[in-house]
Amino acid sequence: MTAKVLEKMLLVTMWWKKDEFCKQYGATCVGCPFDKGRVCDKATTEFVLASAGETFDEYFSEIKRSKPPP
């Protein structure tokens, strides 16, 4: 599960960097490192948050289940 969480953290980081790049250079995609492989189409805010949120929820649920009762 930890590997899955780290994968989603990387996805969020890539999304954040894409967003910062767009703010800095405007609406043109010329030279954008995220345009390769159509990352912009895949890494929408909704997709990133839904995907990461689902994985993080599973992770926290797993931790909660593994804790012994007080």
N, C-alpha and C. Protein backbone atom coordinates (compact mmCIF):
# COMPACT_ATOMS: atom_id res chain seq x y z
N MET A 1 0.82 -1.19 0.00
CA MET A 1 0.00 0.00 0.00
C MET A 1 0.86 1.26 0.00
N THR A 2 2.00 1.20 0.69
CA THR A 2 2.87 2.37 0.76
C THR A 2 3.34 2.79 -0.63
N ALA A 3 3.65 1.83 -1.49
CA ALA A 3 4.08 2.15 -2.85
C ALA A 3 2.97 2.86 -3.62
N LYS A 4 1.73 2.44 -3.40
CA LYS A 4 0.58 3.06 -4.06
C LYS A 4 0.40 4.51 -3.59
N VAL A 5 0.59 4.73 -2.29
CA VAL A 5 0.49 6.09 -1.73
C VAL A 5 1.60 6.97 -2.30
N LEU A 6 2.81 6.46 -2.36
CA LEU A 6 3.92 7.24 -2.92
C LEU A 6 3.68 7.57 -4.39
N GLU A 7 3.10 6.65 -5.13
CA GLU A 7 2.76 6.88 -6.54
C GLU A 7 1.78 8.04 -6.67
N LYS A 8 0.77 8.08 -5.80
CA LYS A 8 -0.21 9.16 -5.85
C LYS A 8 0.40 10.49 -5.40
N MET A 9 1.33 10.43 -4.46
CA MET A 9 2.03 11.65 -4.04
C MET A 9 2.83 12.21 -5.21
N LEU A 10 3.47 11.34 -5.97
CA LEU A 10 4.21 11.77 -7.16
C LEU A 10 3.26 12.39 -8.18
N LEU A 11 2.08 11.81 -8.36
CA LEU A 11 1.08 12.35 -9.28
C LEU A 11 0.68 13.76 -8.86
N VAL A 12 0.44 13.96 -7.57
CA VAL A 12 0.07 15.28 -7.06
C VAL A 12 1.22 16.27 -7.30
N THR A 13 2.44 15.83 -7.07
CA THR A 13 3.61 16.70 -7.29
C THR A 13 3.73 17.08 -8.75
N MET A 14 3.54 16.12 -9.65
CA MET A 14 3.60 16.43 -11.09
C MET A 14 2.51 17.42 -11.47
N TRP A 15 1.32 17.24 -10.92
CA TRP A 15 0.20 18.15 -11.20
C TRP A 15 0.53 19.55 -10.72
N TRP A 16 1.10 19.66 -9.52
CA TRP A 16 1.46 20.95 -8.95
C TRP A 16 2.50 21.65 -9.81
N LYS A 17 3.52 20.91 -10.25
CA LYS A 17 4.56 21.51 -11.09
C LYS A 17 3.98 21.96 -12.43
N LYS A 18 3.06 21.18 -12.98
CA LYS A 18 2.41 21.56 -14.24
C LYS A 18 1.66 22.86 -14.05
N ASP A 19 0.93 22.95 -12.96
CA ASP A 19 0.14 24.15 -12.66
C ASP A 19 1.05 25.37 -12.50
N GLU A 20 2.15 25.21 -11.81
CA GLU A 20 3.10 26.32 -11.62
C GLU A 20 3.73 26.73 -12.95
N PHE A 21 4.05 25.74 -13.79
CA PHE A 21 4.63 26.05 -15.10
C PHE A 21 3.66 26.88 -15.93
N CYS A 22 2.40 26.49 -15.93
CA CYS A 22 1.38 27.21 -16.71
C CYS A 22 1.20 28.64 -16.21
N LYS A 23 1.25 28.83 -14.90
CA LYS A 23 1.12 30.18 -14.34
C LYS A 23 2.29 31.06 -14.76
N GLN A 24 3.47 30.48 -14.78
CA GLN A 24 4.68 31.24 -15.08
C GLN A 24 4.80 31.59 -16.56
N TYR A 25 4.44 30.66 -17.44
CA TYR A 25 4.67 30.86 -18.87
C TYR A 25 3.41 31.16 -19.66
N GLY A 26 2.29 31.25 -19.01
CA GLY A 26 1.06 31.59 -19.73
C GLY A 26 0.41 30.39 -20.38
N ALA A 27 -0.47 30.68 -21.31
CA ALA A 27 -1.30 29.64 -21.91
C ALA A 27 -0.61 28.84 -23.02
N THR A 28 0.58 29.28 -23.46
CA THR A 28 1.24 28.54 -24.54
C THR A 28 1.88 27.27 -24.01
N CYS A 29 1.84 26.24 -24.80
CA CYS A 29 2.42 24.96 -24.40
C CYS A 29 3.81 24.75 -25.00
N VAL A 30 4.31 25.75 -25.71
CA VAL A 30 5.61 25.64 -26.36
C VAL A 30 6.69 25.42 -25.30
N GLY A 31 7.40 24.33 -25.40
CA GLY A 31 8.47 24.02 -24.47
C GLY A 31 8.01 23.42 -23.16
N CYS A 32 6.73 23.18 -23.03
CA CYS A 32 6.21 22.62 -21.78
C CYS A 32 6.66 21.17 -21.61
N PRO A 33 7.33 20.85 -20.51
CA PRO A 33 7.78 19.47 -20.30
C PRO A 33 6.62 18.51 -20.00
N PHE A 34 5.45 19.03 -19.70
CA PHE A 34 4.31 18.19 -19.35
C PHE A 34 3.41 17.91 -20.55
N ASP A 35 3.71 18.54 -21.69
CA ASP A 35 2.90 18.34 -22.88
C ASP A 35 3.22 17.00 -23.55
N LYS A 36 4.40 16.48 -23.28
CA LYS A 36 4.80 15.19 -23.86
C LYS A 36 3.92 14.09 -23.28
N GLY A 37 3.37 13.26 -24.12
CA GLY A 37 2.52 12.16 -23.67
C GLY A 37 1.16 12.64 -23.19
N ARG A 38 0.80 13.85 -23.56
CA ARG A 38 -0.51 14.43 -23.25
C ARG A 38 -0.83 14.38 -21.76
N VAL A 39 0.18 14.71 -20.94
CA VAL A 39 0.01 14.71 -19.48
C VAL A 39 -1.08 15.68 -19.08
N CYS A 40 -1.17 16.82 -19.76
CA CYS A 40 -2.19 17.82 -19.40
C CYS A 40 -3.60 17.24 -19.50
N ASP A 41 -3.82 16.39 -20.49
CA ASP A 41 -5.14 15.77 -20.64
C ASP A 41 -5.45 14.81 -19.51
N LYS A 42 -4.41 14.15 -18.99
CA LYS A 42 -4.60 13.13 -17.97
C LYS A 42 -4.62 13.73 -16.56
N ALA A 43 -3.81 14.75 -16.34
CA ALA A 43 -3.61 15.29 -15.00
C ALA A 43 -4.51 16.49 -14.72
N THR A 44 -5.80 16.30 -14.89
CA THR A 44 -6.72 17.37 -14.53
C THR A 44 -6.81 17.43 -13.00
N THR A 45 -7.21 18.55 -12.48
CA THR A 45 -7.34 18.71 -11.03
C THR A 45 -8.29 17.67 -10.46
N GLU A 46 -9.42 17.48 -11.12
CA GLU A 46 -10.41 16.53 -10.63
C GLU A 46 -9.86 15.10 -10.60
N PHE A 47 -9.16 14.70 -11.67
CA PHE A 47 -8.59 13.35 -11.73
C PHE A 47 -7.55 13.16 -10.63
N VAL A 48 -6.66 14.13 -10.49
CA VAL A 48 -5.57 14.00 -9.51
C VAL A 48 -6.13 13.91 -8.09
N LEU A 49 -7.06 14.79 -7.75
CA LEU A 49 -7.62 14.78 -6.40
C LEU A 49 -8.45 13.53 -6.13
N ALA A 50 -9.24 13.11 -7.10
CA ALA A 50 -10.06 11.90 -6.92
C ALA A 50 -9.17 10.67 -6.77
N SER A 51 -8.18 10.57 -7.61
CA SER A 51 -7.29 9.42 -7.58
C SER A 51 -6.48 9.37 -6.28
N ALA A 52 -5.90 10.50 -5.92
CA ALA A 52 -5.10 10.56 -4.70
C ALA A 52 -5.99 10.38 -3.47
N GLY A 53 -7.14 11.04 -3.46
CA GLY A 53 -8.04 10.95 -2.32
C GLY A 53 -8.48 9.52 -2.05
N GLU A 54 -8.82 8.80 -3.10
CA GLU A 54 -9.25 7.41 -2.94
C GLU A 54 -8.13 6.56 -2.34
N THR A 55 -6.92 6.71 -2.84
CA THR A 55 -5.79 5.95 -2.34
C THR A 55 -5.46 6.32 -0.90
N PHE A 56 -5.48 7.62 -0.59
CA PHE A 56 -5.17 8.06 0.76
C PHE A 56 -6.23 7.56 1.74
N ASP A 57 -7.49 7.54 1.32
CA ASP A 57 -8.56 7.03 2.17
C ASP A 57 -8.35 5.54 2.48
N GLU A 58 -7.98 4.78 1.46
CA GLU A 58 -7.69 3.36 1.65
C GLU A 58 -6.53 3.17 2.63
N TYR A 59 -5.52 3.99 2.47
CA TYR A 59 -4.32 3.92 3.32
C TYR A 59 -4.68 4.19 4.78
N PHE A 60 -5.43 5.27 5.03
CA PHE A 60 -5.80 5.60 6.40
C PHE A 60 -6.75 4.57 6.99
N SER A 61 -7.63 4.01 6.18
CA SER A 61 -8.53 2.95 6.64
C SER A 61 -7.73 1.71 7.04
N GLU A 62 -6.70 1.41 6.26
CA GLU A 62 -5.85 0.26 6.55
C GLU A 62 -5.11 0.47 7.88
N ILE A 63 -4.63 1.67 8.09
CA ILE A 63 -3.94 1.99 9.35
C ILE A 63 -4.91 1.86 10.52
N LYS A 64 -6.11 2.38 10.34
CA LYS A 64 -7.12 2.35 11.40
C LYS A 64 -7.47 0.89 11.76
N ARG A 65 -7.62 0.05 10.74
CA ARG A 65 -7.95 -1.37 10.98
C ARG A 65 -6.83 -2.10 11.69
N SER A 66 -5.59 -1.72 11.43
CA SER A 66 -4.46 -2.43 12.00
C SER A 66 -4.13 -1.99 13.43
N LYS A 67 -4.69 -0.86 13.88
CA LYS A 67 -4.46 -0.41 15.25
C LYS A 67 -5.25 -1.27 16.23
N PRO A 68 -4.60 -1.69 17.30
CA PRO A 68 -5.36 -2.45 18.31
C PRO A 68 -6.28 -1.51 19.08
N PRO A 69 -7.42 -2.00 19.52
CA PRO A 69 -8.34 -1.15 20.28
C PRO A 69 -7.69 -0.71 21.59
N PRO A 70 -8.06 0.49 22.10
CA PRO A 70 -7.46 0.99 23.36
C PRO A 70 -7.86 0.18 24.56
